[in-house]
């Protein structure tokens, strides 16, 4: 009897690169460094994030974890270095409530008028 060749499962190169990216992103927490580690472009990363929900969920989980760590640091170090932590939290973690916003309430009516004018160049 002839020996059967052992079947080698095919490895999806994209999935492997996604795993490399996620591992590097967990450590570095910077997109460009994770892209370098996975040997992909930033465009590829953003395409994966937009088109692969499972990948996007993993990225979101990593970012949420970083947000938790930053909140903890902010609470511990607020009296020593408030400016840098406030800036970081306000820009990166608006969705967690670190944003200054104004709410304007209006009651009653409002009248809107406008005037349209047309200008013609007589020389043409």
PDB file of N, CA and C in Angstrom:
ATOM      1  N   UNK A   1       0.816  -1.185   0.000  1.00  0.00           N
ATOM      2  CA  UNK A   1       0.000   0.000   0.000  1.00  0.00           C
ATOM      3  C   UNK A   1       0.864   1.255   0.000  1.00  0.00           C
ATOM      4  N   UNK A   2       0.407   2.222  -0.737  1.00  0.00           N
ATOM      5  CA  UNK A   2       1.129   3.490  -0.797  1.00  0.00           C
ATOM      6  C   UNK A   2       0.806   4.328   0.431  1.00  0.00           C
ATOM      7  N   UNK A   3       1.819   4.985   0.903  1.00  0.00           N
ATOM      8  CA  UNK A   3       1.623   5.843   2.071  1.00  0.00           C
ATOM      9  C   UNK A   3       0.919   7.130   1.651  1.00  0.00           C
ATOM     10  N   UNK A   4      -0.022   7.549   2.482  1.00  0.00           N
ATOM     11  CA  UNK A   4      -0.709   8.814   2.248  1.00  0.00           C
ATOM     12  C   UNK A   4       0.147   9.953   2.781  1.00  0.00           C
ATOM     13  N   UNK A   5       0.166  11.024   2.043  1.00  0.00           N
ATOM     14  CA  UNK A   5       0.872  12.195   2.515  1.00  0.00           C
ATOM     15  C   UNK A   5       0.075  12.805   3.665  1.00  0.00           C
ATOM     16  N   UNK A   6       0.773  13.216   4.661  1.00  0.00           N
ATOM     17  CA  UNK A   6       0.107  13.872   5.788  1.00  0.00           C
ATOM     18  C   UNK A   6      -0.433  15.213   5.307  1.00  0.00           C
ATOM     19  N   UNK A   7      -1.672  15.450   5.626  1.00  0.00           N
ATOM     20  CA  UNK A   7      -2.281  16.713   5.225  1.00  0.00           C
ATOM     21  C   UNK A   7      -1.834  17.817   6.169  1.00  0.00           C
ATOM     22  N   UNK A   8      -1.332  18.867   5.577  1.00  0.00           N
ATOM     23  CA  UNK A   8      -0.897  20.016   6.351  1.00  0.00           C
ATOM     24  C   UNK A   8      -1.994  21.079   6.225  1.00  0.00           C
ATOM     25  N   UNK A   9      -2.521  21.484   7.355  1.00  0.00           N
ATOM     26  CA  UNK A   9      -3.573  22.498   7.263  1.00  0.00           C
ATOM     27  C   UNK A   9      -3.022  23.794   6.667  1.00  0.00           C
ATOM     28  N   UNK A  10      -3.824  24.409   5.810  1.00  0.00           N
ATOM     29  CA  UNK A  10      -3.406  25.654   5.194  1.00  0.00           C
ATOM     30  C   UNK A  10      -3.520  26.778   6.227  1.00  0.00           C
ATOM     31  N   UNK A  11      -2.508  27.573   6.253  1.00  0.00           N
ATOM     32  CA  UNK A  11      -2.479  28.699   7.185  1.00  0.00           C
ATOM     33  C   UNK A  11      -2.861  29.952   6.417  1.00  0.00           C
ATOM     34  N   UNK A  12      -3.852  30.650   6.933  1.00  0.00           N
ATOM     35  CA  UNK A  12      -4.277  31.888   6.320  1.00  0.00           C
ATOM     36  C   UNK A  12      -3.300  32.986   6.741  1.00  0.00           C
ATOM     37  N   UNK A  13      -2.580  33.534   5.775  1.00  0.00           N
ATOM     38  CA  UNK A  13      -1.554  34.540   6.056  1.00  0.00           C
ATOM     39  C   UNK A  13      -2.161  35.784   6.719  1.00  0.00           C
ATOM     40  N   UNK A  14      -3.340  36.170   6.286  1.00  0.00           N
ATOM     41  CA  UNK A  14      -3.992  37.342   6.864  1.00  0.00           C
ATOM     42  C   UNK A  14      -4.319  37.109   8.333  1.00  0.00           C
ATOM     43  N   UNK A  15      -4.873  35.949   8.650  1.00  0.00           N
ATOM     44  CA  UNK A  15      -5.201  35.648  10.045  1.00  0.00           C
ATOM     45  C   UNK A  15      -3.946  35.639  10.914  1.00  0.00           C
ATOM     46  N   UNK A  16      -2.863  35.115  10.377  1.00  0.00           N
ATOM     47  CA  UNK A  16      -1.601  35.084  11.115  1.00  0.00           C
ATOM     48  C   UNK A  16      -1.119  36.508  11.387  1.00  0.00           C
ATOM     49  N   UNK A  17      -1.210  37.363  10.375  1.00  0.00           N
ATOM     50  CA  UNK A  17      -0.781  38.749  10.547  1.00  0.00           C
ATOM     51  C   UNK A  17      -1.691  39.482  11.532  1.00  0.00           C
ATOM     52  N   UNK A  18      -2.977  39.171  11.516  1.00  0.00           N
ATOM     53  CA  UNK A  18      -3.898  39.785  12.476  1.00  0.00           C
ATOM     54  C   UNK A  18      -3.525  39.379  13.899  1.00  0.00           C
ATOM     55  N   UNK A  19      -3.187  38.120  14.078  1.00  0.00           N
ATOM     56  CA  UNK A  19      -2.780  37.643  15.406  1.00  0.00           C
ATOM     57  C   UNK A  19      -1.487  38.328  15.857  1.00  0.00           C
ATOM     58  N   UNK A  20      -0.530  38.472  14.930  1.00  0.00           N
ATOM     59  CA  UNK A  20       0.713  39.178  15.243  1.00  0.00           C
ATOM     60  C   UNK A  20       0.435  40.624  15.635  1.00  0.00           C
ATOM     61  N   UNK A  21      -0.459  41.250  14.878  1.00  0.00           N
ATOM     62  CA  UNK A  21      -0.801  42.642  15.169  1.00  0.00           C
ATOM     63  C   UNK A  21      -1.412  42.762  16.565  1.00  0.00           C
ATOM     64  N   UNK A  22      -2.378  41.917  16.866  1.00  0.00           N
ATOM     65  CA  UNK A  22      -3.062  41.990  18.160  1.00  0.00           C
ATOM     66  C   UNK A  22      -2.080  41.765  19.311  1.00  0.00           C
ATOM     67  N   UNK A  23      -1.203  40.810  19.154  1.00  0.00           N
ATOM     68  CA  UNK A  23      -0.199  40.536  20.196  1.00  0.00           C
ATOM     69  C   UNK A  23       0.693  41.765  20.400  1.00  0.00           C
ATOM     70  N   UNK A  24       1.156  42.357  19.304  1.00  0.00           N
ATOM     71  CA  UNK A  24       2.025  43.530  19.398  1.00  0.00           C
ATOM     72  C   UNK A  24       1.266  44.742  19.944  1.00  0.00           C
ATOM     73  N   UNK A  25       0.019  44.875  19.564  1.00  0.00           N
ATOM     74  CA  UNK A  25      -0.787  46.025  20.016  1.00  0.00           C
ATOM     75  C   UNK A  25      -1.055  45.933  21.520  1.00  0.00           C
ATOM     76  N   UNK A  26      -1.247  44.733  22.014  1.00  0.00           N
ATOM     77  CA  UNK A  26      -1.437  44.546  23.456  1.00  0.00           C
ATOM     78  C   UNK A  26      -0.214  45.022  24.227  1.00  0.00           C
ATOM     79  N   UNK A  27       0.970  44.809  23.657  1.00  0.00           N
ATOM     80  CA  UNK A  27       2.211  45.189  24.335  1.00  0.00           C
ATOM     81  C   UNK A  27       2.547  46.664  24.119  1.00  0.00           C
ATOM     82  N   UNK A  28       2.530  47.103  22.880  1.00  0.00           N
ATOM     83  CA  UNK A  28       2.998  48.452  22.552  1.00  0.00           C
ATOM     84  C   UNK A  28       1.926  49.523  22.733  1.00  0.00           C
ATOM     85  N   UNK A  29       0.671  49.148  22.506  1.00  0.00           N
ATOM     86  CA  UNK A  29      -0.461  50.084  22.573  1.00  0.00           C
ATOM     87  C   UNK A  29      -0.328  51.229  21.574  1.00  0.00           C
ATOM     88  N   UNK A  30       0.436  51.004  20.509  1.00  0.00           N
ATOM     89  CA  UNK A  30       0.600  51.991  19.452  1.00  0.00           C
ATOM     90  C   UNK A  30       0.402  51.295  18.109  1.00  0.00           C
ATOM     91  N   UNK A  31      -0.463  51.866  17.300  1.00  0.00           N
ATOM     92  CA  UNK A  31      -0.798  51.256  16.011  1.00  0.00           C
ATOM     93  C   UNK A  31       0.430  51.088  15.131  1.00  0.00           C
ATOM     94  N   UNK A  32       1.248  52.115  15.034  1.00  0.00           N
ATOM     95  CA  UNK A  32       2.385  52.019  14.109  1.00  0.00           C
ATOM     96  C   UNK A  32       3.364  50.919  14.522  1.00  0.00           C
ATOM     97  N   UNK A  33       3.578  50.754  15.827  1.00  0.00           N
ATOM     98  CA  UNK A  33       4.495  49.696  16.266  1.00  0.00           C
ATOM     99  C   UNK A  33       3.907  48.316  16.001  1.00  0.00           C
ATOM    100  N   UNK A  34       2.622  48.168  16.215  1.00  0.00           N
ATOM    101  CA  UNK A  34       1.972  46.884  15.947  1.00  0.00           C
ATOM    102  C   UNK A  34       1.973  46.593  14.446  1.00  0.00           C
ATOM    103  N   UNK A  35       1.799  47.623  13.627  1.00  0.00           N
ATOM    104  CA  UNK A  35       1.866  47.452  12.167  1.00  0.00           C
ATOM    105  C   UNK A  35       3.247  46.984  11.747  1.00  0.00           C
ATOM    106  N   UNK A  36       4.278  47.578  12.337  1.00  0.00           N
ATOM    107  CA  UNK A  36       5.649  47.155  12.023  1.00  0.00           C
ATOM    108  C   UNK A  36       5.865  45.700  12.419  1.00  0.00           C
ATOM    109  N   UNK A  37       5.377  45.318  13.584  1.00  0.00           N
ATOM    110  CA  UNK A  37       5.563  43.947  14.069  1.00  0.00           C
ATOM    111  C   UNK A  37       4.860  42.931  13.174  1.00  0.00           C
ATOM    112  N   UNK A  38       3.691  43.312  12.639  1.00  0.00           N
ATOM    113  CA  UNK A  38       2.930  42.402  11.782  1.00  0.00           C
ATOM    114  C   UNK A  38       3.290  42.565  10.312  1.00  0.00           C
ATOM    115  N   UNK A  39       4.169  43.526  10.008  1.00  0.00           N
ATOM    116  CA  UNK A  39       4.600  43.817   8.643  1.00  0.00           C
ATOM    117  C   UNK A  39       3.408  44.157   7.748  1.00  0.00           C
ATOM    118  N   UNK A  40       2.595  45.108   8.238  1.00  0.00           N
ATOM    119  CA  UNK A  40       1.445  45.589   7.463  1.00  0.00           C
ATOM    120  C   UNK A  40       1.453  47.113   7.464  1.00  0.00           C
ATOM    121  N   UNK A  41       0.674  47.697   6.590  1.00  0.00           N
ATOM    122  CA  UNK A  41       0.543  49.152   6.555  1.00  0.00           C
ATOM    123  C   UNK A  41      -0.580  49.585   7.500  1.00  0.00           C
ATOM    124  N   UNK A  42      -0.578  50.853   7.842  1.00  0.00           N
ATOM    125  CA  UNK A  42      -1.669  51.393   8.665  1.00  0.00           C
ATOM    126  C   UNK A  42      -2.995  51.269   7.915  1.00  0.00           C
ATOM    127  N   UNK A  43      -2.949  51.443   6.603  1.00  0.00           N
ATOM    128  CA  UNK A  43      -4.163  51.319   5.793  1.00  0.00           C
ATOM    129  C   UNK A  43      -4.760  49.929   5.939  1.00  0.00           C
ATOM    130  N   UNK A  44      -3.909  48.922   5.932  1.00  0.00           N
ATOM    131  CA  UNK A  44      -4.376  47.540   6.108  1.00  0.00           C
ATOM    132  C   UNK A  44      -5.031  47.385   7.469  1.00  0.00           C
ATOM    133  N   UNK A  45      -4.397  47.932   8.505  1.00  0.00           N
ATOM    134  CA  UNK A  45      -4.983  47.868   9.846  1.00  0.00           C
ATOM    135  C   UNK A  45      -6.383  48.478   9.859  1.00  0.00           C
ATOM    136  N   UNK A  46      -6.526  49.685   9.291  1.00  0.00           N
ATOM    137  CA  UNK A  46      -7.826  50.351   9.316  1.00  0.00           C
ATOM    138  C   UNK A  46      -8.856  49.628   8.448  1.00  0.00           C
ATOM    139  N   UNK A  47      -8.401  48.999   7.373  1.00  0.00           N
ATOM    140  CA  UNK A  47      -9.313  48.172   6.556  1.00  0.00           C
ATOM    141  C   UNK A  47      -9.813  46.974   7.365  1.00  0.00           C
ATOM    142  N   UNK A  48      -8.901  46.293   8.060  1.00  0.00           N
ATOM    143  CA  UNK A  48      -9.304  45.154   8.889  1.00  0.00           C
ATOM    144  C   UNK A  48     -10.290  45.601   9.960  1.00  0.00           C
ATOM    145  N   UNK A  49      -9.984  46.725  10.580  1.00  0.00           N
ATOM    146  CA  UNK A  49     -10.843  47.227  11.665  1.00  0.00           C
ATOM    147  C   UNK A  49     -12.236  47.565  11.148  1.00  0.00           C
ATOM    148  N   UNK A  50     -12.309  48.084   9.939  1.00  0.00           N
ATOM    149  CA  UNK A  50     -13.604  48.460   9.358  1.00  0.00           C
ATOM    150  C   UNK A  50     -14.389  47.264   8.833  1.00  0.00           C
ATOM    151  N   UNK A  51     -13.698  46.224   8.399  1.00  0.00           N
ATOM    152  CA  UNK A  51     -14.367  45.135   7.701  1.00  0.00           C
ATOM    153  C   UNK A  51     -14.396  43.796   8.432  1.00  0.00           C
ATOM    154  N   UNK A  52     -13.743  43.693   9.569  1.00  0.00           N
ATOM    155  CA  UNK A  52     -13.707  42.445  10.326  1.00  0.00           C
ATOM    156  C   UNK A  52     -14.150  42.748  11.760  1.00  0.00           C
ATOM    157  N   UNK A  53     -15.408  42.452  12.058  1.00  0.00           N
ATOM    158  CA  UNK A  53     -15.971  42.808  13.358  1.00  0.00           C
ATOM    159  C   UNK A  53     -15.253  42.125  14.516  1.00  0.00           C
ATOM    160  N   UNK A  54     -14.848  40.889  14.352  1.00  0.00           N
ATOM    161  CA  UNK A  54     -14.139  40.180  15.422  1.00  0.00           C
ATOM    162  C   UNK A  54     -12.799  40.873  15.717  1.00  0.00           C
ATOM    163  N   UNK A  55     -12.097  41.275  14.670  1.00  0.00           N
ATOM    164  CA  UNK A  55     -10.837  41.995  14.829  1.00  0.00           C
ATOM    165  C   UNK A  55     -11.089  43.338  15.507  1.00  0.00           C
ATOM    166  N   UNK A  56     -12.095  44.062  15.043  1.00  0.00           N
ATOM    167  CA  UNK A  56     -12.431  45.368  15.620  1.00  0.00           C
ATOM    168  C   UNK A  56     -12.788  45.234  17.101  1.00  0.00           C
ATOM    169  N   UNK A  57     -13.486  44.163  17.458  1.00  0.00           N
ATOM    170  CA  UNK A  57     -13.844  43.938  18.863  1.00  0.00           C
ATOM    171  C   UNK A  57     -12.605  43.710  19.727  1.00  0.00           C
ATOM    172  N   UNK A  58     -11.631  42.985  19.195  1.00  0.00           N
ATOM    173  CA  UNK A  58     -10.391  42.749  19.948  1.00  0.00           C
ATOM    174  C   UNK A  58      -9.623  44.052  20.144  1.00  0.00           C
ATOM    175  N   UNK A  59      -9.582  44.871  19.118  1.00  0.00           N
ATOM    176  CA  UNK A  59      -8.898  46.165  19.212  1.00  0.00           C
ATOM    177  C   UNK A  59      -9.603  47.043  20.245  1.00  0.00           C
ATOM    178  N   UNK A  60     -10.920  47.063  20.203  1.00  0.00           N
ATOM    179  CA  UNK A  60     -11.696  47.847  21.160  1.00  0.00           C
ATOM    180  C   UNK A  60     -11.454  47.384  22.593  1.00  0.00           C
ATOM    181  N   UNK A  61     -11.354  46.094  22.772  1.00  0.00           N
ATOM    182  CA  UNK A  61     -11.086  45.526  24.103  1.00  0.00           C
ATOM    183  C   UNK A  61      -9.719  45.982  24.623  1.00  0.00           C
ATOM    184  N   UNK A  62      -8.726  45.982  23.753  1.00  0.00           N
ATOM    185  CA  UNK A  62      -7.387  46.435  24.136  1.00  0.00           C
ATOM    186  C   UNK A  62      -7.425  47.919  24.506  1.00  0.00           C
ATOM    187  N   UNK A  63      -8.124  48.718  23.708  1.00  0.00           N
ATOM    188  CA  UNK A  63      -8.218  50.148  23.974  1.00  0.00           C
ATOM    189  C   UNK A  63      -8.980  50.430  25.267  1.00  0.00           C
ATOM    190  N   UNK A  64     -10.015  49.656  25.539  1.00  0.00           N
ATOM    191  CA  UNK A  64     -10.751  49.810  26.797  1.00  0.00           C
ATOM    192  C   UNK A  64      -9.865  49.495  27.987  1.00  0.00           C
ATOM    193  N   UNK A  65      -9.044  48.482  27.844  1.00  0.00           N
ATOM    194  CA  UNK A  65      -8.116  48.106  28.907  1.00  0.00           C
ATOM    195  C   UNK A  65      -7.132  49.236  29.180  1.00  0.00           C
ATOM    196  N   UNK A  66      -6.627  49.858  28.117  1.00  0.00           N
ATOM    197  CA  UNK A  66      -5.724  50.993  28.275  1.00  0.00           C
ATOM    198  C   UNK A  66      -6.450  52.141  28.971  1.00  0.00           C
ATOM    199  N   UNK A  67      -7.689  52.365  28.605  1.00  0.00           N
ATOM    200  CA  UNK A  67      -8.480  53.414  29.249  1.00  0.00           C
ATOM    201  C   UNK A  67      -8.622  53.170  30.741  1.00  0.00           C
ATOM    202  N   UNK A  68      -8.832  51.917  31.120  1.00  0.00           N
ATOM    203  CA  UNK A  68      -8.923  51.573  32.544  1.00  0.00           C
ATOM    204  C   UNK A  68      -7.620  51.910  33.260  1.00  0.00           C
ATOM    205  N   UNK A  69      -6.504  51.566  32.634  1.00  0.00           N
ATOM    206  CA  UNK A  69      -5.202  51.836  33.237  1.00  0.00           C
ATOM    207  C   UNK A  69      -4.955  53.339  33.370  1.00  0.00           C
ATOM    208  N   UNK A  70      -5.332  54.104  32.334  1.00  0.00           N
ATOM    209  CA  UNK A  70      -5.143  55.548  32.383  1.00  0.00           C
ATOM    210  C   UNK A  70      -6.010  56.191  33.463  1.00  0.00           C
ATOM    211  N   UNK A  71      -7.217  55.706  33.598  1.00  0.00           N
ATOM    212  CA  UNK A  71      -8.080  56.232  34.657  1.00  0.00           C
ATOM    213  C   UNK A  71      -7.464  55.991  36.036  1.00  0.00           C
ATOM    214  N   UNK A  72      -6.911  54.812  36.225  1.00  0.00           N
ATOM    215  CA  UNK A  72      -6.283  54.490  37.499  1.00  0.00           C
ATOM    216  C   UNK A  72      -5.089  55.410  37.760  1.00  0.00           C
ATOM    217  N   UNK A  73      -4.265  55.621  36.738  1.00  0.00           N
ATOM    218  CA  UNK A  73      -3.109  56.514  36.878  1.00  0.00           C
ATOM    219  C   UNK A  73      -3.580  57.943  37.154  1.00  0.00           C
ATOM    220  N   UNK A  74      -4.610  58.374  36.447  1.00  0.00           N
ATOM    221  CA  UNK A  74      -5.128  59.728  36.629  1.00  0.00           C
ATOM    222  C   UNK A  74      -5.576  59.948  38.069  1.00  0.00           C
ATOM    223  N   UNK A  75      -6.227  58.977  38.632  1.00  0.00           N
ATOM    224  CA  UNK A  75      -6.685  59.100  40.020  1.00  0.00           C
ATOM    225  C   UNK A  75      -5.505  59.123  40.994  1.00  0.00           C
ATOM    226  N   UNK A  76      -4.489  58.337  40.717  1.00  0.00           N
ATOM    227  CA  UNK A  76      -3.327  58.267  41.613  1.00  0.00           C
ATOM    228  C   UNK A  76      -2.419  59.490  41.495  1.00  0.00           C
ATOM    229  N   UNK A  77      -2.259  60.006  40.288  1.00  0.00           N
ATOM    230  CA  UNK A  77      -1.274  61.059  40.034  1.00  0.00           C
ATOM    231  C   UNK A  77      -1.877  62.444  39.806  1.00  0.00           C
ATOM    232  N   UNK A  78      -3.156  62.594  40.006  1.00  0.00           N
ATOM    233  CA  UNK A  78      -3.827  63.857  39.688  1.00  0.00           C
ATOM    234  C   UNK A  78      -3.195  65.055  40.375  1.00  0.00           C
ATOM    235  N   UNK A  79      -2.737  64.907  41.581  1.00  0.00           N
ATOM    236  CA  UNK A  79      -2.146  66.053  42.281  1.00  0.00           C
ATOM    237  C   UNK A  79      -0.734  66.363  41.798  1.00  0.00           C
ATOM    238  N   UNK A  80      -0.030  65.396  41.250  1.00  0.00           N
ATOM    239  CA  UNK A  80       1.348  65.603  40.802  1.00  0.00           C
ATOM    240  C   UNK A  80       1.442  66.150  39.371  1.00  0.00           C
ATOM    241  N   UNK A  81       0.763  65.522  38.439  1.00  0.00           N
ATOM    242  CA  UNK A  81       0.843  65.890  37.016  1.00  0.00           C
ATOM    243  C   UNK A  81      -0.543  65.903  36.383  1.00  0.00           C
ATOM    244  N   UNK A  82      -1.390  66.819  36.778  1.00  0.00           N
ATOM    245  CA  UNK A  82      -2.755  66.781  36.261  1.00  0.00           C
ATOM    246  C   UNK A  82      -2.887  67.138  34.782  1.00  0.00           C
ATOM    247  N   UNK A  83      -2.080  68.045  34.281  1.00  0.00           N
ATOM    248  CA  UNK A  83      -2.272  68.547  32.917  1.00  0.00           C
ATOM    249  C   UNK A  83      -2.134  67.463  31.857  1.00  0.00           C
ATOM    250  N   UNK A  84      -1.086  66.676  31.906  1.00  0.00           N
ATOM    251  CA  UNK A  84      -0.872  65.662  30.875  1.00  0.00           C
ATOM    252  C   UNK A  84      -1.948  64.591  30.915  1.00  0.00           C
ATOM    253  N   UNK A  85      -2.338  64.210  32.101  1.00  0.00           N
ATOM    254  CA  UNK A  85      -3.372  63.183  32.219  1.00  0.00           C
ATOM    255  C   UNK A  85      -4.734  63.715  31.801  1.00  0.00           C
ATOM    256  N   UNK A  86      -5.020  64.943  32.143  1.00  0.00           N
ATOM    257  CA  UNK A  86      -6.298  65.546  31.742  1.00  0.00           C
ATOM    258  C   UNK A  86      -6.360  65.617  30.220  1.00  0.00           C
ATOM    259  N   UNK A  87      -5.284  66.087  29.600  1.00  0.00           N
ATOM    260  CA  UNK A  87      -5.247  66.187  28.144  1.00  0.00           C
ATOM    261  C   UNK A  87      -5.450  64.823  27.488  1.00  0.00           C
ATOM    262  N   UNK A  88      -4.719  63.831  27.963  1.00  0.00           N
ATOM    263  CA  UNK A  88      -4.816  62.494  27.395  1.00  0.00           C
ATOM    264  C   UNK A  88      -6.221  61.928  27.534  1.00  0.00           C
ATOM    265  N   UNK A  89      -6.791  62.056  28.690  1.00  0.00           N
ATOM    266  CA  UNK A  89      -8.127  61.520  28.919  1.00  0.00           C
ATOM    267  C   UNK A  89      -9.184  62.272  28.107  1.00  0.00           C
ATOM    268  N   UNK A  90      -9.059  63.589  27.998  1.00  0.00           N
ATOM    269  CA  UNK A  90     -10.038  64.381  27.244  1.00  0.00           C
ATOM    270  C   UNK A  90      -9.991  64.093  25.753  1.00  0.00           C
ATOM    271  N   UNK A  91      -8.810  63.789  25.236  1.00  0.00           N
ATOM    272  CA  UNK A  91      -8.707  63.560  23.794  1.00  0.00           C
ATOM    273  C   UNK A  91      -8.959  62.113  23.410  1.00  0.00           C
ATOM    274  N   UNK A  92      -8.444  61.189  24.175  1.00  0.00           N
ATOM    275  CA  UNK A  92      -8.535  59.776  23.804  1.00  0.00           C
ATOM    276  C   UNK A  92      -9.788  59.096  24.356  1.00  0.00           C
ATOM    277  N   UNK A  93     -10.288  59.581  25.477  1.00  0.00           N
ATOM    278  CA  UNK A  93     -11.383  58.870  26.143  1.00  0.00           C
ATOM    279  C   UNK A  93     -12.599  59.751  26.390  1.00  0.00           C
ATOM    280  N   UNK A  94     -12.993  60.492  25.355  1.00  0.00           N
ATOM    281  CA  UNK A  94     -14.208  61.307  25.436  1.00  0.00           C
ATOM    282  C   UNK A  94     -15.423  60.447  25.742  1.00  0.00           C
ATOM    283  N   UNK A  95     -15.428  59.246  25.176  1.00  0.00           N
ATOM    284  CA  UNK A  95     -16.577  58.357  25.354  1.00  0.00           C
ATOM    285  C   UNK A  95     -16.737  57.898  26.793  1.00  0.00           C
ATOM    286  N   UNK A  96     -15.745  58.116  27.627  1.00  0.00           N
ATOM    287  CA  UNK A  96     -15.825  57.750  29.044  1.00  0.00           C
ATOM    288  C   UNK A  96     -16.212  58.943  29.905  1.00  0.00           C
ATOM    289  N   UNK A  97     -16.522  60.057  29.282  1.00  0.00           N
ATOM    290  CA  UNK A  97     -16.967  61.216  30.035  1.00  0.00           C
ATOM    291  C   UNK A  97     -15.900  62.274  30.260  1.00  0.00           C
ATOM    292  N   UNK A  98     -14.701  62.073  29.712  1.00  0.00           N
ATOM    293  CA  UNK A  98     -13.633  63.058  29.884  1.00  0.00           C
ATOM    294  C   UNK A  98     -13.709  64.096  28.775  1.00  0.00           C
ATOM    295  N   UNK A  99     -14.722  64.906  28.836  1.00  0.00           N
ATOM    296  CA  UNK A  99     -14.908  65.934  27.822  1.00  0.00           C
ATOM    297  C   UNK A  99     -15.664  67.092  28.465  1.00  0.00           C
ATOM    298  N   UNK A 100     -15.297  68.269  28.053  1.00  0.00           N
ATOM    299  CA  UNK A 100     -16.043  69.433  28.501  1.00  0.00           C
ATOM    300  C   UNK A 100     -17.087  69.708  27.434  1.00  0.00           C
ATOM    301  N   UNK A 101     -18.309  69.829  27.857  1.00  0.00           N
ATOM    302  CA  UNK A 101     -19.327  70.164  26.876  1.00  0.00           C
ATOM    303  C   UNK A 101     -20.322  71.119  27.485  1.00  0.00           C
ATOM    304  N   UNK A 102     -20.922  71.856  26.616  1.00  0.00           N
ATOM    305  CA  UNK A 102     -21.936  72.799  27.039  1.00  0.00           C
ATOM    306  C   UNK A 102     -23.256  72.351  26.450  1.00  0.00           C
ATOM    307  N   UNK A 103     -24.266  72.433  27.267  1.00  0.00           N
ATOM    308  CA  UNK A 103     -25.604  72.133  26.788  1.00  0.00           C
ATOM    309  C   UNK A 103     -26.397  73.429  26.769  1.00  0.00           C
ATOM    310  N   UNK A 104     -27.053  73.683  25.660  1.00  0.00           N
ATOM    311  CA  UNK A 104     -27.847  74.885  25.513  1.00  0.00           C
ATOM    312  C   UNK A 104     -29.296  74.462  25.371  1.00  0.00           C
ATOM    313  N   UNK A 105     -30.112  74.971  26.279  1.00  0.00           N
ATOM    314  CA  UNK A 105     -31.546  74.672  26.223  1.00  0.00           C
ATOM    315  C   UNK A 105     -32.269  75.903  25.692  1.00  0.00           C
ATOM    316  N   UNK A 106     -33.220  75.671  24.841  1.00  0.00           N
ATOM    317  CA  UNK A 106     -33.971  76.775  24.251  1.00  0.00           C
ATOM    318  C   UNK A 106     -35.452  76.453  24.342  1.00  0.00           C
ATOM    319  N   UNK A 107     -36.194  77.432  24.744  1.00  0.00           N
ATOM    320  CA  UNK A 107     -37.646  77.240  24.747  1.00  0.00           C
ATOM    321  C   UNK A 107     -38.266  78.430  24.035  1.00  0.00           C
ATOM    322  N   UNK A 108     -39.386  78.211  23.455  1.00  0.00           N
ATOM    323  CA  UNK A 108     -40.050  79.283  22.729  1.00  0.00           C
ATOM    324  C   UNK A 108     -39.823  79.154  21.237  1.00  0.00           C
ATOM    325  N   UNK A 109     -40.203  80.173  20.542  1.00  0.00           N
ATOM    326  CA  UNK A 109     -40.118  80.145  19.089  1.00  0.00           C
ATOM    327  C   UNK A 109     -38.837  80.770  18.588  1.00  0.00           C
ATOM    328  N   UNK A 110     -38.683  80.653  17.299  1.00  0.00           N
ATOM    329  CA  UNK A 110     -37.501  81.204  16.675  1.00  0.00           C
ATOM    330  C   UNK A 110     -37.863  81.628  15.266  1.00  0.00           C
ATOM    331  N   UNK A 111     -37.471  82.838  14.893  1.00  0.00           N
ATOM    332  CA  UNK A 111     -37.767  83.313  13.557  1.00  0.00           C
ATOM    333  C   UNK A 111     -36.474  83.336  12.753  1.00  0.00           C
ATOM    334  N   UNK A 112     -36.509  82.734  11.582  1.00  0.00           N
ATOM    335  CA  UNK A 112     -35.337  82.685  10.723  1.00  0.00           C
ATOM    336  C   UNK A 112     -35.674  83.391   9.420  1.00  0.00           C
ATOM    337  N   UNK A 113     -34.848  84.348   9.037  1.00  0.00           N
ATOM    338  CA  UNK A 113     -35.025  85.021   7.751  1.00  0.00           C
ATOM    339  C   UNK A 113     -33.688  85.059   7.039  1.00  0.00           C
ATOM    340  N   UNK A 114     -33.744  85.101   5.747  1.00  0.00           N
ATOM    341  CA  UNK A 114     -32.526  85.256   4.971  1.00  0.00           C
ATOM    342  C   UNK A 114     -32.837  85.992   3.692  1.00  0.00           C
ATOM    343  N   UNK A 115     -31.805  86.558   3.150  1.00  0.00           N
ATOM    344  CA  UNK A 115     -31.951  87.322   1.934  1.00  0.00           C
ATOM    345  C   UNK A 115     -30.952  86.785   0.926  1.00  0.00           C
ATOM    346  N   UNK A 116     -31.432  86.509  -0.262  1.00  0.00           N
ATOM    347  CA  UNK A 116     -30.556  86.034  -1.304  1.00  0.00           C
ATOM    348  C   UNK A 116     -30.205  87.179  -2.228  1.00  0.00           C
ATOM    349  N   UNK A 117     -28.972  87.296  -2.596  1.00  0.00           N
ATOM    350  CA  UNK A 117     -28.550  88.290  -3.565  1.00  0.00           C
ATOM    351  C   UNK A 117     -27.743  87.603  -4.646  1.00  0.00           C
ATOM    352  N   UNK A 118     -27.834  88.128  -5.813  1.00  0.00           N
ATOM    353  CA  UNK A 118     -27.056  87.599  -6.925  1.00  0.00           C
ATOM    354  C   UNK A 118     -26.182  88.729  -7.455  1.00  0.00           C
ATOM    355  N   UNK A 119     -24.994  88.385  -7.833  1.00  0.00           N
ATOM    356  CA  UNK A 119     -24.075  89.376  -8.342  1.00  0.00           C
ATOM    357  C   UNK A 119     -23.662  88.967  -9.756  1.00  0.00           C
ATOM    358  N   UNK A 120     -23.729  89.908 -10.656  1.00  0.00           N
ATOM    359  CA  UNK A 120     -23.365  89.643 -12.045  1.00  0.00           C
ATOM    360  C   UNK A 120     -22.199  90.537 -12.419  1.00  0.00           C
ATOM    361  N   UNK A 121     -21.280  89.961 -13.157  1.00  0.00           N
ATOM    362  CA  UNK A 121     -20.157  90.749 -13.664  1.00  0.00           C
ATOM    363  C   UNK A 121     -20.535  91.293 -15.028  1.00  0.00           C
ATOM    364  N   UNK A 122     -20.716  92.605 -15.122  1.00  0.00           N
ATOM    365  CA  UNK A 122     -21.174  93.237 -16.353  1.00  0.00           C
ATOM    366  C   UNK A 122     -20.138  93.168 -17.461  1.00  0.00           C
ATOM    367  N   UNK A 123     -18.901  92.947 -17.118  1.00  0.00           N
ATOM    368  CA  UNK A 123     -17.836  92.925 -18.118  1.00  0.00           C
ATOM    369  C   UNK A 123     -17.782  91.625 -18.920  1.00  0.00           C
ATOM    370  N   UNK A 124     -18.533  90.642 -18.585  1.00  0.00           N
ATOM    371  CA  UNK A 124     -18.451  89.348 -19.287  1.00  0.00           C
ATOM    372  C   UNK A 124     -19.620  89.108 -20.150  1.00  0.00           C
TER     373      UNK A 124
END
